[in-house]
Protein backbone atom coordinates (compact mmCIF):
# COMPACT_ATOMS: atom_id res chain seq x y z
CA UNK A 1 40.73 -25.75 1.20
CA UNK A 2 39.22 -21.69 -0.69
CA UNK A 3 38.22 -18.84 2.60
CA UNK A 4 34.95 -17.10 1.70
CA UNK A 5 35.84 -13.48 0.19
CA UNK A 6 34.34 -11.78 2.99
CA UNK A 7 31.15 -8.80 1.48
CA UNK A 8 30.92 -5.22 3.48
CA UNK A 9 28.26 -2.48 2.98
CA UNK A 10 29.09 0.69 2.92
CA UNK A 11 26.62 3.18 3.39
CA UNK A 12 26.00 6.33 1.17
CA UNK A 13 29.52 4.45 -0.48
CA UNK A 14 29.52 6.35 -3.80
CA UNK A 15 31.71 9.62 -3.12
CA UNK A 16 34.13 11.97 -0.83
CA UNK A 17 34.77 9.00 2.88
CA UNK A 18 32.34 6.37 1.69
CA UNK A 19 33.75 6.03 -1.72
CA UNK A 20 37.61 5.90 -1.05
CA UNK A 21 36.71 3.18 1.98
CA UNK A 22 35.11 1.04 -0.86
CA UNK A 23 38.05 1.26 -2.48
CA UNK A 24 40.26 0.37 -0.04
CA UNK A 25 38.79 -2.16 1.15
CA UNK A 26 38.39 -4.37 -2.57
CA UNK A 27 42.22 -3.40 -2.79
CA UNK A 28 41.79 -5.73 0.18
CA UNK A 29 40.09 -7.79 -1.04
CA UNK A 30 36.38 -7.37 0.39
CA UNK A 31 34.08 -7.94 -2.22
CA UNK A 32 32.18 -4.59 -1.65
CA UNK A 33 28.11 -3.35 -1.45
CA UNK A 34 27.93 0.35 -1.73
CA UNK A 35 24.44 2.29 -1.19
CA UNK A 36 23.77 5.43 -2.74
CA UNK A 37 21.27 7.72 -2.59
CA UNK A 38 21.45 10.90 -5.93
CA UNK A 39 25.10 9.34 -6.99
CA UNK A 40 23.89 6.88 -9.58
CA UNK A 41 26.73 7.46 -11.71
CA UNK A 42 29.49 8.00 -9.25
CA UNK A 43 28.12 5.12 -7.65
CA UNK A 44 28.41 3.03 -10.85
CA UNK A 45 31.61 3.91 -12.16
CA UNK A 46 33.45 3.53 -8.53
CA UNK A 47 31.96 -0.21 -9.19
CA UNK A 48 33.47 -0.63 -12.77
CA UNK A 49 36.65 1.23 -11.76
CA UNK A 50 36.53 -2.19 -8.30
CA UNK A 51 35.73 -4.60 -11.40
CA UNK A 52 38.71 -3.28 -13.50
CA UNK A 53 40.66 -3.76 -11.06
CA UNK A 54 40.46 -7.60 -10.26
CA UNK A 55 37.09 -7.29 -7.87
CA UNK A 56 33.62 -7.56 -6.44
CA UNK A 57 31.40 -4.70 -6.58
CA UNK A 58 27.47 -4.11 -6.15
CA UNK A 59 25.94 0.32 -6.14
CA UNK A 60 22.04 -0.31 -4.52
CA UNK A 61 19.96 2.92 -4.57
CA UNK A 62 19.00 2.51 -1.25
CA UNK A 63 17.71 6.07 0.86
CA UNK A 64 19.82 5.11 5.13
CA UNK A 65 16.57 6.58 6.43
CA UNK A 66 13.77 4.11 5.23
CA UNK A 67 13.67 0.98 6.52
CA UNK A 68 12.26 -0.36 3.00
CA UNK A 69 15.30 -0.14 1.30
CA UNK A 70 18.17 -0.88 4.09
CA UNK A 71 16.44 -4.28 4.42
CA UNK A 72 16.00 -5.06 0.55
CA UNK A 73 19.68 -3.43 0.73
CA UNK A 74 20.96 -6.56 2.53
CA UNK A 75 19.17 -8.92 0.57
CA UNK A 76 20.52 -7.63 -2.33
CA UNK A 77 23.52 -7.18 -0.84
CA UNK A 78 23.87 -11.22 0.65
CA UNK A 79 22.10 -12.42 -3.20
CA UNK A 80 24.48 -11.47 -4.73
CA UNK A 81 28.28 -11.14 -3.22
CA UNK A 82 27.84 -13.96 0.01
CA UNK A 83 26.87 -13.81 3.64
CA UNK A 84 27.20 -10.36 5.66
CA UNK A 85 30.94 -9.53 7.16
CA UNK A 86 30.89 -6.36 8.31
CA UNK A 87 29.65 -2.31 8.08
CA UNK A 88 30.39 0.73 7.32
CA UNK A 89 27.59 2.81 8.53
CA UNK A 90 28.61 5.60 6.56
CA UNK A 91 25.88 8.01 4.84
CA UNK A 92 24.74 10.94 7.17
CA UNK A 93 23.90 14.03 6.20
CA UNK A 94 24.51 18.17 7.44
CA UNK A 95 21.33 19.26 6.63
CA UNK A 96 21.60 23.35 5.94
CA UNK A 97 23.94 25.49 8.19
CA UNK A 98 21.03 26.99 10.94
CA UNK A 99 21.56 27.98 14.17
CA UNK A 100 19.57 27.36 17.19
CA UNK A 101 17.44 29.64 16.77
CA UNK A 102 16.28 28.66 13.21
CA UNK A 103 16.25 25.22 13.54
CA UNK A 104 13.43 23.23 12.23
CA UNK A 105 11.47 20.88 12.74
CA UNK A 106 11.53 19.62 8.92
CA UNK A 107 15.57 20.01 9.28
CA UNK A 108 15.48 17.71 12.26
CA UNK A 109 13.80 14.82 11.14
CA UNK A 110 15.84 14.79 7.67
CA UNK A 111 19.35 14.16 10.20
CA UNK A 112 17.89 12.76 12.44
CA UNK A 113 16.07 10.71 10.29
CA UNK A 114 19.32 9.97 8.35
CA UNK A 115 22.27 10.29 10.84
CA UNK A 116 20.73 8.58 14.29
CA UNK A 117 17.43 5.81 12.58
CA UNK A 118 19.56 5.17 9.25
CA UNK A 119 22.51 3.71 11.44
CA UNK A 120 20.71 2.07 14.01
CA UNK A 121 18.83 0.27 11.20
CA UNK A 122 21.00 -0.76 9.25
CA UNK A 123 22.96 -2.11 12.55
CA UNK A 124 20.15 -4.45 13.06
CA UNK A 125 20.54 -6.05 9.46
CA UNK A 126 23.59 -6.33 10.33
CA UNK A 127 23.64 -7.89 13.77
CA UNK A 128 20.19 -10.05 12.30
CA UNK A 129 22.72 -11.38 10.14
CA UNK A 130 26.24 -11.05 11.92
CA UNK A 131 25.25 -12.06 15.19
CA UNK A 132 26.83 -15.87 16.51
CA UNK A 133 23.62 -16.92 18.51
CA UNK A 134 22.12 -16.70 15.20
CA UNK A 135 23.69 -18.05 13.18
CA UNK A 136 26.21 -16.17 11.44
CA UNK A 137 29.76 -16.00 11.93
CA UNK A 138 30.66 -13.00 13.41
CA UNK A 139 31.23 -9.43 11.93
CA UNK A 140 32.50 -5.51 12.51
CA UNK A 141 31.21 -2.71 12.68
CA UNK A 142 32.44 0.91 11.68
CA UNK A 143 29.81 3.75 12.34
CA UNK A 144 31.65 7.09 10.29
CA UNK A 145 30.96 9.23 13.65
CA UNK A 146 32.41 13.17 13.07
CA UNK A 147 33.99 15.29 15.84
CA UNK A 148 31.48 17.50 15.89
CA UNK A 149 30.38 15.39 18.16
CA UNK A 150 32.47 16.10 20.49
CA UNK A 151 32.91 20.40 19.36
CA UNK A 152 28.70 21.47 19.27
CA UNK A 153 28.37 22.35 15.81
CA UNK A 154 27.67 26.48 17.18
CA UNK A 155 27.26 28.60 14.65
CA UNK A 156 26.93 25.61 12.05
CA UNK A 157 25.44 22.67 12.49
CA UNK A 158 24.56 21.82 17.03
CA UNK A 159 21.33 19.56 15.35
CA UNK A 160 24.22 17.75 12.65
CA UNK A 161 26.71 17.27 15.90
CA UNK A 162 23.78 16.03 18.14
CA UNK A 163 23.09 13.61 15.50
CA UNK A 164 26.50 12.58 15.83
CA UNK A 165 26.69 13.01 19.36
CA UNK A 166 23.42 9.52 19.59
CA UNK A 167 25.84 7.50 16.99
CA UNK A 168 28.66 7.80 19.32
CA UNK A 169 26.20 6.50 22.39
CA UNK A 170 24.75 4.68 19.88
CA UNK A 171 28.02 3.19 19.10
CA UNK A 172 29.20 2.66 23.13
CA UNK A 173 26.58 0.24 24.14
CA UNK A 174 26.24 -1.66 21.09
CA UNK A 175 30.13 -2.33 20.77
CA UNK A 176 28.56 -3.37 24.76
CA UNK A 177 25.74 -6.15 24.22
CA UNK A 178 27.32 -7.44 20.97
CA UNK A 179 30.32 -8.08 21.89
CA UNK A 180 28.97 -11.23 23.63
CA UNK A 181 27.95 -12.64 20.54
CA UNK A 182 31.39 -12.31 18.02
CA UNK A 183 30.02 -8.60 16.67
CA UNK A 184 32.85 -5.64 17.68
CA UNK A 185 31.65 -2.23 16.58
CA UNK A 186 33.43 1.58 16.95
CA UNK A 187 33.44 4.67 15.11
CA UNK A 188 35.53 7.09 13.41
CA UNK A 189 35.19 9.85 14.52
CA UNK A 190 36.86 12.28 11.36
CA UNK A 191 37.54 15.99 11.79
CA UNK A 192 38.27 19.05 9.39
CA UNK A 193 37.82 16.70 5.82
CA UNK A 194 38.37 17.49 2.22
CA UNK A 195 35.50 16.60 0.87
CA UNK A 196 32.56 17.68 -1.40
CA UNK A 197 30.82 18.34 1.64
CA UNK A 198 31.51 22.03 2.73
CA UNK A 199 30.88 23.55 -1.20
CA UNK A 200 27.55 20.88 -1.73
CA UNK A 201 26.83 22.37 1.89
CA UNK A 202 27.35 25.86 0.25
CA UNK A 203 30.29 26.64 1.86
CA UNK A 204 33.62 25.82 -0.49
CA UNK A 205 35.92 27.38 1.51
CA UNK A 206 35.07 26.53 4.87
CA UNK A 207 38.65 23.74 4.71
CA UNK A 208 40.75 25.87 4.29
CA UNK A 209 39.24 28.74 6.63
CA UNK A 210 39.20 26.32 9.44
CA UNK A 211 42.67 24.73 8.44
CA UNK A 212 44.57 27.22 10.36
CA UNK A 213 42.29 26.21 13.76
CA UNK A 214 43.93 22.32 12.94
CA UNK A 215 46.84 21.50 15.33
CA UNK A 216 48.20 19.55 12.17
CA UNK A 217 48.19 22.37 10.02
CA UNK A 218 45.80 21.29 6.94
CA UNK A 219 43.02 19.25 6.47
CA UNK A 220 42.30 15.85 6.73
CA UNK A 221 41.71 13.01 3.48
CA UNK A 222 38.85 11.14 2.77
CA UNK A 223 41.69 8.36 2.41
CA UNK A 224 43.34 8.39 6.12
CA UNK A 225 40.20 7.64 7.88
CA UNK A 226 39.55 5.01 5.31
CA UNK A 227 42.61 4.31 6.95
CA UNK A 228 41.30 4.09 10.02
CA UNK A 229 38.07 2.31 8.65
CA UNK A 230 40.14 -0.49 7.60
CA UNK A 231 42.38 -1.25 10.26
CA UNK A 232 39.44 -1.13 12.19
CA UNK A 233 37.47 -3.35 10.38
CA UNK A 234 41.15 -5.65 10.85
CA UNK A 235 42.06 -8.59 12.65
CA UNK A 236 44.27 -6.38 13.75
CA UNK A 237 41.72 -4.75 15.86
CA UNK A 238 40.38 -7.81 17.81
CA UNK A 239 40.79 -6.46 20.90
CA UNK A 240 39.33 -2.85 20.51
CA UNK A 241 35.50 -2.40 20.74
CA UNK A 242 33.06 0.59 21.42
CA UNK A 243 36.42 2.66 21.25
CA UNK A 244 35.52 6.45 19.84
CA UNK A 245 38.62 7.00 17.30
CA UNK A 246 39.44 10.69 16.70
CA UNK A 247 40.95 11.19 13.12
CA UNK A 248 40.98 15.03 12.99
CA UNK A 249 44.89 15.85 13.10
CA UNK A 250 44.97 17.00 16.86
CA UNK A 251 40.83 18.98 16.50
């Protein structure tokens, strides 16, 4: 009997860590739906790359913090690829560099809207499809948090760090709530990772400048984070739920 192909949704999957997760998942047999906000070209290029390698993938434009967009994302993924097996909540923004005395309500609303509301909305839609008590087959969710949640982001991104603290708490609560319903929920907490995020925030030298503070002596790569995410999604992690796993070189 043929085994149904597992279907994974990766929010913010067009670039950086999200793209590496989508790429690795496809290579391991997942059909992948990746969402993107504005980066349509890299999103479609990644879909083409996955399909050229024999995989199945689609890209859907969706604002992670917009409820209508998130609902549409799940419906399109299900329609095109089949029942949802797994979710990676990767979409996130840092907001601009700002000290606490310079923070604005607009920055708070934007960062919390994507990083917290977006995770809640996508998790809700995944549960509605995967929970065994609702007729689903169970599944796994991985939230891409940040070591900033434990370090605080002082002088740069306290607002971002606070949003990721909320993601950590959401992960712990959802893991306990959803375990009896057949869904495992975990988070990875990347540290200093060499991605375009730093340059986009206006600090292209940030990775080099902060590398000396990493015990392993270097920044991590998006591929190293993706490997941990795929392990948490896999049956090898079948007894792991509620974990907040640092991928930070000891920082």
